[in-house]
Amino acid sequence: MRGGNATVVAAALILDALIGEPPEKLHPTVWMGCAISACEGPAFGLQGANGRRAAGVLLAAALPTAAFLTCRLLLQAAPRGLRPALETALLSTAISMKGLGTAAQTVRVELAGGRLEGARSRVGEFVGRDTAGLSEPDVCRAAVESVAENTSDGIVGPMLFGFLFGAPGALAYKAINTVDSMVGYRNPRYRDLGWAGARLDDLANLFPARLTVLAVAAASVSPARVLGTVRRYGPLSSSPNAGHVEAAFAGALGLRLGGTNFYGGVERRGPVLGDGRPPNADDIGRAVALMRRVCVMVALAALLLKAARRG
């Protein structure tokens, strides 16, 4: 990790907190999504599962590579004096701290106003499960779980790859995450095309998820409870990463997360995570506050590491 990367990542987090994400027309993640959508038609035109799997491998490898190289070339082409500002701006597009917090808080506001249907609609904008028939506790659970999971892959992950490889690394990581979110193999339609992307995303998130768990423990009032909850419940999830992070939030907030969800009308049963109570509307705000503390702690840790290495 270059020392300058820590400063750029901390500055990018501040920029995201102040301004949020850029307009869709200027957002690299939106461009990545358009590229993935453009590849879907030709990929589904291939005959046989093996052909679609090969296309998925190519997509999972090509998009992150293109994101990395394009970002690197942009930085090399920029005047030397402008590179730190440009790298900060590019890296901030991979971080979604403000957007995640705002999205979750809109759900809490709808529930506080007694508008369950509005809360279902709002939470449906940033979770993948079916939300039309959710009860109020299930809406709250969906929001808290999304905050937990996105703390890892929407904020800590890009920050970590930014620490290690600068803005090109953060955008390459974001490309991996975007491929998985759009063509993840859990959807039967994408089982073959999305297999490679899902596996690569699992691998890329192994360390960010564990770092997030440690940061949640450090940011909580009971680190031992957080780590104990993760040790007991994290491995129960089918995901090698999401279950650990959700269990960490459950332990930190004293909640019970996980359980049965529906995706496209298909029931998917998952393990219960945590020993606490079901979440309520106030817990959405508590989850957002915890997410923000985690992000600040990760940024401060990087700056302290930079200072220690210089010393």
C-alpha atoms as a PDB file:
ATOM      1  CA  MET A   1       0.000   0.000   0.000  1.00  0.00           C
ATOM      2  CA  ARG A   2       1.403   3.417  -0.935  1.00  0.00           C
ATOM      3  CA  GLY A   3       1.065   6.026   1.802  1.00  0.00           C
ATOM      4  CA  GLY A   4      -0.591   8.436  -0.607  1.00  0.00           C
ATOM      5  CA  ASN A   5      -3.420   6.004  -1.169  1.00  0.00           C
ATOM      6  CA  ALA A   6      -4.524   6.326   2.453  1.00  0.00           C
ATOM      7  CA  THR A   7      -4.855  10.085   2.071  1.00  0.00           C
ATOM      8  CA  VAL A   8      -6.753   9.758  -1.202  1.00  0.00           C
ATOM      9  CA  VAL A   9      -9.158   7.199   0.266  1.00  0.00           C
ATOM     10  CA  ALA A  10      -9.834   9.349   3.330  1.00  0.00           C
ATOM     11  CA  ALA A  11     -10.421  12.363   1.073  1.00  0.00           C
ATOM     12  CA  ALA A  12     -12.732  10.307  -1.156  1.00  0.00           C
ATOM     13  CA  LEU A  13     -14.786   9.255   1.870  1.00  0.00           C
ATOM     14  CA  ILE A  14     -15.135  12.896   2.910  1.00  0.00           C
ATOM     15  CA  LEU A  15     -16.095  13.891  -0.643  1.00  0.00           C
ATOM     16  CA  ASP A  16     -18.761  11.202  -0.741  1.00  0.00           C
ATOM     17  CA  ALA A  17     -20.086  12.296   2.655  1.00  0.00           C
ATOM     18  CA  LEU A  18     -20.386  15.900   1.447  1.00  0.00           C
ATOM     19  CA  ILE A  19     -21.591  15.468  -2.135  1.00  0.00           C
ATOM     20  CA  GLY A  20     -22.693  11.878  -2.565  1.00  0.00           C
ATOM     21  CA  GLU A  21     -22.633  10.012  -5.840  1.00  0.00           C
ATOM     22  CA  PRO A  22     -22.374  11.788  -9.213  1.00  0.00           C
ATOM     23  CA  PRO A  23     -25.286  12.017 -11.683  1.00  0.00           C
ATOM     24  CA  GLU A  24     -26.076   8.780 -13.504  1.00  0.00           C
ATOM     25  CA  LYS A  25     -24.681  10.077 -16.792  1.00  0.00           C
ATOM     26  CA  LEU A  26     -21.292  10.564 -15.126  1.00  0.00           C
ATOM     27  CA  HIS A  27     -21.304   7.536 -12.844  1.00  0.00           C
ATOM     28  CA  PRO A  28     -18.741   4.824 -13.697  1.00  0.00           C
ATOM     29  CA  THR A  29     -20.895   2.144 -12.084  1.00  0.00           C
ATOM     30  CA  VAL A  30     -23.782   3.064 -14.398  1.00  0.00           C
ATOM     31  CA  TRP A  31     -21.436   2.761 -17.373  1.00  0.00           C
ATOM     32  CA  MET A  32     -20.382  -0.657 -16.097  1.00  0.00           C
ATOM     33  CA  GLY A  33     -24.022  -1.680 -15.858  1.00  0.00           C
ATOM     34  CA  CYS A  34     -24.630  -0.575 -19.444  1.00  0.00           C
ATOM     35  CA  ALA A  35     -21.642  -2.631 -20.602  1.00  0.00           C
ATOM     36  CA  ILE A  36     -22.943  -5.710 -18.789  1.00  0.00           C
ATOM     37  CA  SER A  37     -26.425  -5.243 -20.267  1.00  0.00           C
ATOM     38  CA  ALA A  38     -24.912  -4.958 -23.748  1.00  0.00           C
ATOM     39  CA  CYS A  39     -23.139  -8.281 -23.262  1.00  0.00           C
ATOM     40  CA  GLU A  40     -26.215 -10.168 -22.069  1.00  0.00           C
ATOM     41  CA  GLY A  41     -27.907 -10.528 -25.469  1.00  0.00           C
ATOM     42  CA  PRO A  42     -24.948 -12.100 -27.286  1.00  0.00           C
ATOM     43  CA  ALA A  43     -24.172 -14.288 -24.262  1.00  0.00           C
ATOM     44  CA  PHE A  44     -27.699 -15.687 -24.078  1.00  0.00           C
ATOM     45  CA  GLY A  45     -27.541 -16.340 -27.806  1.00  0.00           C
ATOM     46  CA  LEU A  46     -24.847 -18.936 -27.206  1.00  0.00           C
ATOM     47  CA  GLN A  47     -25.932 -22.552 -27.284  1.00  0.00           C
ATOM     48  CA  GLY A  48     -25.377 -24.695 -24.203  1.00  0.00           C
ATOM     49  CA  ALA A  49     -24.421 -24.037 -20.620  1.00  0.00           C
ATOM     50  CA  ASN A  50     -20.703 -24.290 -21.339  1.00  0.00           C
ATOM     51  CA  GLY A  51     -20.849 -21.476 -23.864  1.00  0.00           C
ATOM     52  CA  ARG A  52     -22.689 -19.216 -21.466  1.00  0.00           C
ATOM     53  CA  ARG A  53     -20.261 -20.081 -18.672  1.00  0.00           C
ATOM     54  CA  ALA A  54     -17.330 -19.208 -20.942  1.00  0.00           C
ATOM     55  CA  ALA A  55     -18.990 -15.875 -21.736  1.00  0.00           C
ATOM     56  CA  GLY A  56     -19.437 -15.306 -18.005  1.00  0.00           C
ATOM     57  CA  VAL A  57     -15.756 -15.968 -17.352  1.00  0.00           C
ATOM     58  CA  LEU A  58     -14.830 -13.486 -20.081  1.00  0.00           C
ATOM     59  CA  LEU A  59     -17.202 -10.865 -18.682  1.00  0.00           C
ATOM     60  CA  ALA A  60     -15.995 -11.329 -15.100  1.00  0.00           C
ATOM     61  CA  ALA A  61     -12.385 -10.920 -16.212  1.00  0.00           C
ATOM     62  CA  ALA A  62     -12.760  -8.234 -18.876  1.00  0.00           C
ATOM     63  CA  LEU A  63     -14.867  -5.624 -17.089  1.00  0.00           C
ATOM     64  CA  PRO A  64     -12.676  -5.250 -13.960  1.00  0.00           C
ATOM     65  CA  THR A  65      -9.577  -5.229 -16.157  1.00  0.00           C
ATOM     66  CA  ALA A  66     -11.069  -2.531 -18.385  1.00  0.00           C
ATOM     67  CA  ALA A  67     -12.091  -0.465 -15.358  1.00  0.00           C
ATOM     68  CA  PHE A  68      -8.608  -0.714 -13.862  1.00  0.00           C
ATOM     69  CA  LEU A  69      -6.760   0.153 -17.060  1.00  0.00           C
ATOM     70  CA  THR A  70      -9.101   2.973 -18.088  1.00  0.00           C
ATOM     71  CA  CYS A  71      -8.808   4.624 -14.690  1.00  0.00           C
ATOM     72  CA  ARG A  72      -5.041   4.225 -14.686  1.00  0.00           C
ATOM     73  CA  LEU A  73      -4.729   5.737 -18.162  1.00  0.00           C
ATOM     74  CA  LEU A  74      -6.898   8.697 -17.161  1.00  0.00           C
ATOM     75  CA  LEU A  75      -4.685   9.385 -14.176  1.00  0.00           C
ATOM     76  CA  GLN A  76      -1.507   9.073 -16.246  1.00  0.00           C
ATOM     77  CA  ALA A  77      -2.890  11.452 -18.865  1.00  0.00           C
ATOM     78  CA  ALA A  78      -3.841  14.105 -16.305  1.00  0.00           C
ATOM     79  CA  PRO A  79      -1.371  16.853 -15.372  1.00  0.00           C
ATOM     80  CA  ARG A  80       0.686  15.740 -12.372  1.00  0.00           C
ATOM     81  CA  GLY A  81      -0.664  18.500 -10.160  1.00  0.00           C
ATOM     82  CA  LEU A  82      -4.274  17.488 -10.820  1.00  0.00           C
ATOM     83  CA  ARG A  83      -3.828  13.750 -10.309  1.00  0.00           C
ATOM     84  CA  PRO A  84      -4.561  13.637  -6.553  1.00  0.00           C
ATOM     85  CA  ALA A  85      -7.831  15.556  -7.011  1.00  0.00           C
ATOM     86  CA  LEU A  86      -8.842  13.444 -10.006  1.00  0.00           C
ATOM     87  CA  GLU A  87      -8.000  10.211  -8.188  1.00  0.00           C
ATOM     88  CA  THR A  88     -10.005  11.356  -5.175  1.00  0.00           C
ATOM     89  CA  ALA A  89     -13.001  12.136  -7.374  1.00  0.00           C
ATOM     90  CA  LEU A  90     -12.784   8.826  -9.227  1.00  0.00           C
ATOM     91  CA  LEU A  91     -12.411   6.813  -6.039  1.00  0.00           C
ATOM     92  CA  SER A  92     -15.341   8.595  -4.396  1.00  0.00           C
ATOM     93  CA  THR A  93     -17.645   7.260  -7.141  1.00  0.00           C
ATOM     94  CA  ALA A  94     -16.955   3.737  -5.864  1.00  0.00           C
ATOM     95  CA  ILE A  95     -17.983   4.628  -2.296  1.00  0.00           C
ATOM     96  CA  SER A  96     -21.666   4.809  -1.381  1.00  0.00           C
ATOM     97  CA  MET A  97     -21.716   5.883   2.264  1.00  0.00           C
ATOM     98  CA  LYS A  98     -23.999   8.891   1.781  1.00  0.00           C
ATOM     99  CA  GLY A  99     -26.259   7.161  -0.741  1.00  0.00           C
ATOM    100  CA  LEU A 100     -26.681   4.094   1.445  1.00  0.00           C
ATOM    101  CA  GLY A 101     -27.468   6.142   4.525  1.00  0.00           C
ATOM    102  CA  THR A 102     -29.949   8.327   2.681  1.00  0.00           C
ATOM    103  CA  ALA A 103     -31.742   5.348   1.121  1.00  0.00           C
ATOM    104  CA  ALA A 104     -32.081   3.583   4.465  1.00  0.00           C
ATOM    105  CA  GLN A 105     -33.250   6.692   6.282  1.00  0.00           C
ATOM    106  CA  THR A 106     -36.060   7.250   3.763  1.00  0.00           C
ATOM    107  CA  VAL A 107     -37.456   3.869   4.831  1.00  0.00           C
ATOM    108  CA  ARG A 108     -37.338   4.924   8.479  1.00  0.00           C
ATOM    109  CA  VAL A 109     -39.118   8.199   7.669  1.00  0.00           C
ATOM    110  CA  GLU A 110     -41.908   6.373   5.834  1.00  0.00           C
ATOM    111  CA  LEU A 111     -42.410   4.003   8.754  1.00  0.00           C
ATOM    112  CA  ALA A 112     -42.357   6.856  11.254  1.00  0.00           C
ATOM    113  CA  GLY A 113     -45.194   8.427   9.284  1.00  0.00           C
ATOM    114  CA  GLY A 114     -47.214   5.217   9.308  1.00  0.00           C
ATOM    115  CA  ARG A 115     -46.764   4.674   5.572  1.00  0.00           C
ATOM    116  CA  LEU A 116     -45.959   0.965   5.329  1.00  0.00           C
ATOM    117  CA  GLU A 117     -46.630   0.806   1.591  1.00  0.00           C
ATOM    118  CA  GLY A 118     -44.240   3.704   1.036  1.00  0.00           C
ATOM    119  CA  ALA A 119     -41.621   1.978   3.184  1.00  0.00           C
ATOM    120  CA  ARG A 120     -42.002  -1.214   1.151  1.00  0.00           C
ATOM    121  CA  SER A 121     -41.471   0.753  -2.027  1.00  0.00           C
ATOM    122  CA  ARG A 122     -38.456   2.597  -0.642  1.00  0.00           C
ATOM    123  CA  VAL A 123     -36.709  -0.504   0.660  1.00  0.00           C
ATOM    124  CA  GLY A 124     -37.412  -2.228  -2.644  1.00  0.00           C
ATOM    125  CA  GLU A 125     -35.179   0.347  -4.329  1.00  0.00           C
ATOM    126  CA  PHE A 126     -32.023  -1.037  -2.723  1.00  0.00           C
ATOM    127  CA  VAL A 127     -32.705  -4.669  -1.782  1.00  0.00           C
ATOM    128  CA  GLY A 128     -33.043  -7.637  -4.108  1.00  0.00           C
ATOM    129  CA  ARG A 129     -35.842  -9.509  -2.305  1.00  0.00           C
ATOM    130  CA  ASP A 130     -39.569  -9.169  -2.959  1.00  0.00           C
ATOM    131  CA  THR A 131     -40.926  -6.344  -0.793  1.00  0.00           C
ATOM    132  CA  ALA A 132     -44.585  -5.923  -1.817  1.00  0.00           C
ATOM    133  CA  GLY A 133     -45.987  -8.044   1.011  1.00  0.00           C
ATOM    134  CA  LEU A 134     -43.448  -7.411   3.755  1.00  0.00           C
ATOM    135  CA  SER A 135     -44.634  -6.716   7.288  1.00  0.00           C
ATOM    136  CA  GLU A 136     -43.196  -3.722   9.119  1.00  0.00           C
ATOM    137  CA  PRO A 137     -40.619  -5.831  11.032  1.00  0.00           C
ATOM    138  CA  ASP A 138     -39.559  -7.481   7.779  1.00  0.00           C
ATOM    139  CA  VAL A 139     -39.174  -4.090   6.086  1.00  0.00           C
ATOM    140  CA  CYS A 140     -36.945  -3.030   8.976  1.00  0.00           C
ATOM    141  CA  ARG A 141     -34.963  -6.257   8.746  1.00  0.00           C
ATOM    142  CA  ALA A 142     -34.472  -5.809   5.001  1.00  0.00           C
ATOM    143  CA  ALA A 143     -33.179  -2.282   5.501  1.00  0.00           C
ATOM    144  CA  VAL A 144     -30.812  -3.188   8.340  1.00  0.00           C
ATOM    145  CA  GLU A 145     -29.462  -6.221   6.481  1.00  0.00           C
ATOM    146  CA  SER A 146     -28.864  -4.138   3.372  1.00  0.00           C
ATOM    147  CA  VAL A 147     -27.009  -1.495   5.384  1.00  0.00           C
ATOM    148  CA  ALA A 148     -24.868  -4.249   6.910  1.00  0.00           C
ATOM    149  CA  GLU A 149     -24.002  -5.996   3.649  1.00  0.00           C
ATOM    150  CA  ASN A 150     -23.400  -2.768   1.750  1.00  0.00           C
ATOM    151  CA  THR A 151     -21.132  -1.463   4.476  1.00  0.00           C
ATOM    152  CA  SER A 152     -18.765  -4.211   3.386  1.00  0.00           C
ATOM    153  CA  ASP A 153     -19.139  -4.358  -0.383  1.00  0.00           C
ATOM    154  CA  GLY A 154     -20.304  -0.789  -1.003  1.00  0.00           C
ATOM    155  CA  ILE A 155     -17.867   1.099   1.230  1.00  0.00           C
ATOM    156  CA  VAL A 156     -15.192  -0.891   3.072  1.00  0.00           C
ATOM    157  CA  GLY A 157     -14.402  -3.004  -0.009  1.00  0.00           C
ATOM    158  CA  PRO A 158     -13.748  -0.037  -2.332  1.00  0.00           C
ATOM    159  CA  MET A 159     -11.809   1.690   0.446  1.00  0.00           C
ATOM    160  CA  LEU A 160      -9.618  -1.366   0.993  1.00  0.00           C
ATOM    161  CA  PHE A 161      -8.883  -1.850  -2.703  1.00  0.00           C
ATOM    162  CA  GLY A 162      -8.273   1.874  -2.915  1.00  0.00           C
ATOM    163  CA  PHE A 163      -5.743   1.621  -0.085  1.00  0.00           C
ATOM    164  CA  LEU A 164      -3.956  -1.183  -1.901  1.00  0.00           C
ATOM    165  CA  PHE A 165      -4.179  -0.107  -5.550  1.00  0.00           C
ATOM    166  CA  GLY A 166      -5.537   3.442  -5.655  1.00  0.00           C
ATOM    167  CA  ALA A 167      -8.616   4.514  -7.613  1.00  0.00           C
ATOM    168  CA  PRO A 168      -7.987   1.910 -10.368  1.00  0.00           C
ATOM    169  CA  GLY A 169      -8.215  -0.837  -7.753  1.00  0.00           C
ATOM    170  CA  ALA A 170     -11.379   0.586  -6.238  1.00  0.00           C
ATOM    171  CA  LEU A 171     -13.111   0.800  -9.612  1.00  0.00           C
ATOM    172  CA  ALA A 172     -11.956  -2.692 -10.582  1.00  0.00           C
ATOM    173  CA  TYR A 173     -13.452  -3.974  -7.330  1.00  0.00           C
ATOM    174  CA  LYS A 174     -16.659  -2.071  -8.090  1.00  0.00           C
ATOM    175  CA  ALA A 175     -16.786  -3.738 -11.507  1.00  0.00           C
ATOM    176  CA  ILE A 176     -16.527  -7.175  -9.866  1.00  0.00           C
ATOM    177  CA  ASN A 177     -19.350  -6.263  -7.502  1.00  0.00           C
ATOM    178  CA  THR A 178     -21.498  -4.906 -10.331  1.00  0.00           C
ATOM    179  CA  VAL A 179     -21.096  -8.040 -12.437  1.00  0.00           C
ATOM    180  CA  ASP A 180     -22.236 -10.147  -9.498  1.00  0.00           C
ATOM    181  CA  SER A 181     -25.190  -7.905  -8.656  1.00  0.00           C
ATOM    182  CA  MET A 182     -26.478  -7.916 -12.235  1.00  0.00           C
ATOM    183  CA  VAL A 183     -25.855 -11.487 -13.366  1.00  0.00           C
ATOM    184  CA  GLY A 184     -25.440 -13.323 -10.065  1.00  0.00           C
ATOM    185  CA  TYR A 185     -26.004 -17.058 -10.501  1.00  0.00           C
ATOM    186  CA  ARG A 186     -28.647 -17.256  -7.757  1.00  0.00           C
ATOM    187  CA  ASN A 187     -31.141 -16.044 -10.332  1.00  0.00           C
ATOM    188  CA  PRO A 188     -31.979 -19.136 -12.470  1.00  0.00           C
ATOM    189  CA  ARG A 189     -31.764 -17.045 -15.643  1.00  0.00           C
ATOM    190  CA  TYR A 190     -28.139 -16.178 -14.881  1.00  0.00           C
ATOM    191  CA  ARG A 191     -26.992 -19.456 -13.334  1.00  0.00           C
ATOM    192  CA  ASP A 192     -24.472 -20.120 -16.111  1.00  0.00           C
ATOM    193  CA  LEU A 193     -23.590 -16.605 -17.216  1.00  0.00           C
ATOM    194  CA  GLY A 194     -23.198 -15.338 -13.653  1.00  0.00           C
ATOM    195  CA  TRP A 195     -21.312 -18.247 -12.109  1.00  0.00           C
ATOM    196  CA  ALA A 196     -17.819 -16.838 -12.649  1.00  0.00           C
ATOM    197  CA  GLY A 197     -18.813 -13.348 -11.527  1.00  0.00           C
ATOM    198  CA  ALA A 198     -20.350 -14.699  -8.336  1.00  0.00           C
ATOM    199  CA  ARG A 199     -17.264 -16.752  -7.505  1.00  0.00           C
ATOM    200  CA  LEU A 200     -14.949 -13.814  -8.201  1.00  0.00           C
ATOM    201  CA  ASP A 201     -17.109 -11.533  -6.045  1.00  0.00           C
ATOM    202  CA  ASP A 202     -16.966 -14.038  -3.172  1.00  0.00           C
ATOM    203  CA  LEU A 203     -13.181 -14.095  -3.436  1.00  0.00           C
ATOM    204  CA  ALA A 204     -12.816 -10.319  -3.709  1.00  0.00           C
ATOM    205  CA  ASN A 205     -14.985  -9.791  -0.630  1.00  0.00           C
ATOM    206  CA  LEU A 206     -13.313 -12.285   1.703  1.00  0.00           C
ATOM    207  CA  PHE A 207     -10.969  -9.764   3.291  1.00  0.00           C
ATOM    208  CA  PRO A 208     -13.293  -6.715   3.149  1.00  0.00           C
ATOM    209  CA  ALA A 209     -15.995  -8.688   4.976  1.00  0.00           C
ATOM    210  CA  ARG A 210     -13.598  -9.751   7.744  1.00  0.00           C
ATOM    211  CA  LEU A 211     -12.233  -6.232   8.017  1.00  0.00           C
ATOM    212  CA  THR A 212     -15.793  -4.961   8.326  1.00  0.00           C
ATOM    213  CA  VAL A 213     -16.480  -7.457  11.126  1.00  0.00           C
ATOM    214  CA  LEU A 214     -13.433  -6.235  13.053  1.00  0.00           C
ATOM    215  CA  ALA A 215     -14.394  -2.604  12.496  1.00  0.00           C
ATOM    216  CA  VAL A 216     -17.966  -3.263  13.666  1.00  0.00           C
ATOM    217  CA  ALA A 217     -16.605  -4.911  16.795  1.00  0.00           C
ATOM    218  CA  ALA A 218     -14.294  -1.966  17.450  1.00  0.00           C
ATOM    219  CA  ALA A 219     -17.086   0.552  16.841  1.00  0.00           C
ATOM    220  CA  SER A 220     -19.583  -1.233  19.102  1.00  0.00           C
ATOM    221  CA  VAL A 221     -20.106  -1.063  22.852  1.00  0.00           C
ATOM    222  CA  SER A 222     -19.585  -4.823  23.152  1.00  0.00           C
ATOM    223  CA  PRO A 223     -16.815  -6.157  20.887  1.00  0.00           C
ATOM    224  CA  ALA A 224     -16.918  -9.578  22.541  1.00  0.00           C
ATOM    225  CA  ARG A 225     -20.625  -9.950  21.771  1.00  0.00           C
ATOM    226  CA  VAL A 226     -20.072  -8.975  18.154  1.00  0.00           C
ATOM    227  CA  LEU A 227     -17.246 -11.458  17.641  1.00  0.00           C
ATOM    228  CA  GLY A 228     -19.138 -14.180  19.486  1.00  0.00           C
ATOM    229  CA  THR A 229     -22.220 -13.642  17.331  1.00  0.00           C
ATOM    230  CA  VAL A 230     -20.131 -13.789  14.166  1.00  0.00           C
ATOM    231  CA  ARG A 231     -18.358 -16.936  15.312  1.00  0.00           C
ATOM    232  CA  ARG A 232     -21.657 -18.645  16.067  1.00  0.00           C
ATOM    233  CA  TYR A 233     -23.881 -17.454  13.241  1.00  0.00           C
ATOM    234  CA  GLY A 234     -21.644 -16.205  10.404  1.00  0.00           C
ATOM    235  CA  PRO A 235     -20.760 -19.637   8.999  1.00  0.00           C
ATOM    236  CA  LEU A 236     -24.446 -20.633   8.840  1.00  0.00           C
ATOM    237  CA  SER A 237     -25.135 -18.444   5.810  1.00  0.00           C
ATOM    238  CA  SER A 238     -24.736 -19.783   2.283  1.00  0.00           C
ATOM    239  CA  SER A 239     -22.639 -16.701   1.505  1.00  0.00           C
ATOM    240  CA  PRO A 240     -19.036 -16.836   2.725  1.00  0.00           C
ATOM    241  CA  ASN A 241     -19.158 -13.093   3.412  1.00  0.00           C
ATOM    242  CA  ALA A 242     -22.624 -11.567   3.846  1.00  0.00           C
ATOM    243  CA  GLY A 243     -23.586 -13.767   6.791  1.00  0.00           C
ATOM    244  CA  HIS A 244     -20.520 -12.693   8.758  1.00  0.00           C
ATOM    245  CA  VAL A 245     -21.211  -8.991   8.252  1.00  0.00           C
ATOM    246  CA  GLU A 246     -24.938  -9.299   9.023  1.00  0.00           C
ATOM    247  CA  ALA A 247     -24.135 -11.328  12.135  1.00  0.00           C
ATOM    248  CA  ALA A 248     -21.708  -8.602  13.218  1.00  0.00           C
ATOM    249  CA  PHE A 249     -24.411  -5.936  12.882  1.00  0.00           C
ATOM    250  CA  ALA A 250     -26.878  -8.199  14.695  1.00  0.00           C
ATOM    251  CA  GLY A 251     -24.460  -8.584  17.586  1.00  0.00           C
ATOM    252  CA  ALA A 252     -23.577  -4.888  17.721  1.00  0.00           C
ATOM    253  CA  LEU A 253     -27.205  -3.732  17.640  1.00  0.00           C
ATOM    254  CA  GLY A 254     -28.681  -6.544  19.768  1.00  0.00           C
ATOM    255  CA  LEU A 255     -30.917  -7.736  16.938  1.00  0.00           C
ATOM    256  CA  ARG A 256     -32.046 -10.917  15.234  1.00  0.00           C
ATOM    257  CA  LEU A 257     -31.558 -10.822  11.478  1.00  0.00           C
ATOM    258  CA  GLY A 258     -31.779 -13.401   8.702  1.00  0.00           C
ATOM    259  CA  GLY A 259     -34.579 -15.862   7.999  1.00  0.00           C
ATOM    260  CA  THR A 260     -36.861 -16.486   5.055  1.00  0.00           C
ATOM    261  CA  ASN A 261     -37.031 -14.161   2.041  1.00  0.00           C
ATOM    262  CA  PHE A 262     -38.713 -14.319  -1.360  1.00  0.00           C
ATOM    263  CA  TYR A 263     -36.977 -13.576  -4.661  1.00  0.00           C
ATOM    264  CA  GLY A 264     -39.165 -13.440  -7.750  1.00  0.00           C
ATOM    265  CA  GLY A 265     -41.865 -15.260  -5.821  1.00  0.00           C
ATOM    266  CA  VAL A 266     -39.495 -18.107  -4.894  1.00  0.00           C
ATOM    267  CA  GLU A 267     -39.009 -18.791  -1.208  1.00  0.00           C
ATOM    268  CA  ARG A 268     -35.440 -18.874   0.034  1.00  0.00           C
ATOM    269  CA  ARG A 269     -34.904 -19.945   3.612  1.00  0.00           C
ATOM    270  CA  GLY A 270     -31.852 -18.654   5.402  1.00  0.00           C
ATOM    271  CA  PRO A 271     -30.484 -19.035   8.913  1.00  0.00           C
ATOM    272  CA  VAL A 272     -31.444 -16.745  11.764  1.00  0.00           C
ATOM    273  CA  LEU A 273     -28.498 -14.506  12.685  1.00  0.00           C
ATOM    274  CA  GLY A 274     -28.213 -13.243  16.251  1.00  0.00           C
ATOM    275  CA  ASP A 275     -29.871 -13.700  19.634  1.00  0.00           C
ATOM    276  CA  GLY A 276     -31.605 -10.330  19.950  1.00  0.00           C
ATOM    277  CA  ARG A 277     -35.028  -8.965  19.127  1.00  0.00           C
ATOM    278  CA  PRO A 278     -36.524  -8.278  15.682  1.00  0.00           C
ATOM    279  CA  PRO A 279     -35.508  -4.862  14.305  1.00  0.00           C
ATOM    280  CA  ASN A 280     -37.799  -1.846  14.390  1.00  0.00           C
ATOM    281  CA  ALA A 281     -37.744   1.494  12.566  1.00  0.00           C
ATOM    282  CA  ASP A 282     -35.343   3.101  15.043  1.00  0.00           C
ATOM    283  CA  ASP A 283     -32.839   0.326  14.403  1.00  0.00           C
ATOM    284  CA  ILE A 284     -32.496   1.477  10.794  1.00  0.00           C
ATOM    285  CA  GLY A 285     -31.053   4.750  12.052  1.00  0.00           C
ATOM    286  CA  ARG A 286     -28.830   2.865  14.507  1.00  0.00           C
ATOM    287  CA  ALA A 287     -27.526   0.684  11.675  1.00  0.00           C
ATOM    288  CA  VAL A 288     -26.735   3.751   9.557  1.00  0.00           C
ATOM    289  CA  ALA A 289     -24.900   5.364  12.479  1.00  0.00           C
ATOM    290  CA  LEU A 290     -22.876   2.178  12.994  1.00  0.00           C
ATOM    291  CA  MET A 291     -22.073   2.052   9.293  1.00  0.00           C
ATOM    292  CA  ARG A 292     -20.718   5.593   9.413  1.00  0.00           C
ATOM    293  CA  ARG A 293     -18.583   4.869  12.480  1.00  0.00           C
ATOM    294  CA  VAL A 294     -17.139   1.819  10.746  1.00  0.00           C
ATOM    295  CA  CYS A 295     -16.208   3.847   7.656  1.00  0.00           C
ATOM    296  CA  VAL A 296     -14.504   6.555   9.706  1.00  0.00           C
ATOM    297  CA  MET A 297     -12.602   3.968  11.731  1.00  0.00           C
ATOM    298  CA  VAL A 298     -11.320   2.221   8.615  1.00  0.00           C
ATOM    299  CA  ALA A 299     -10.154   5.537   7.138  1.00  0.00           C
ATOM    300  CA  LEU A 300      -8.462   6.564  10.397  1.00  0.00           C
ATOM    301  CA  ALA A 301      -6.754   3.182  10.659  1.00  0.00           C
ATOM    302  CA  ALA A 302      -5.292   3.649   7.187  1.00  0.00           C
ATOM    303  CA  LEU A 303      -4.023   7.130   8.041  1.00  0.00           C
ATOM    304  CA  LEU A 304      -2.467   5.848  11.276  1.00  0.00           C
ATOM    305  CA  LEU A 305      -0.787   3.041   9.356  1.00  0.00           C
ATOM    306  CA  LYS A 306       0.570   5.590   6.920  1.00  0.00           C
ATOM    307  CA  ALA A 307       1.931   7.693   9.780  1.00  0.00           C
ATOM    308  CA  ALA A 308       3.469   4.652  11.475  1.00  0.00           C
ATOM    309  CA  ARG A 309       5.222   3.593   8.298  1.00  0.00           C
ATOM    310  CA  ARG A 310       6.660   7.063   7.852  1.00  0.00           C
ATOM    311  CA  GLY A 311       7.809   7.078  11.483  1.00  0.00           C
END
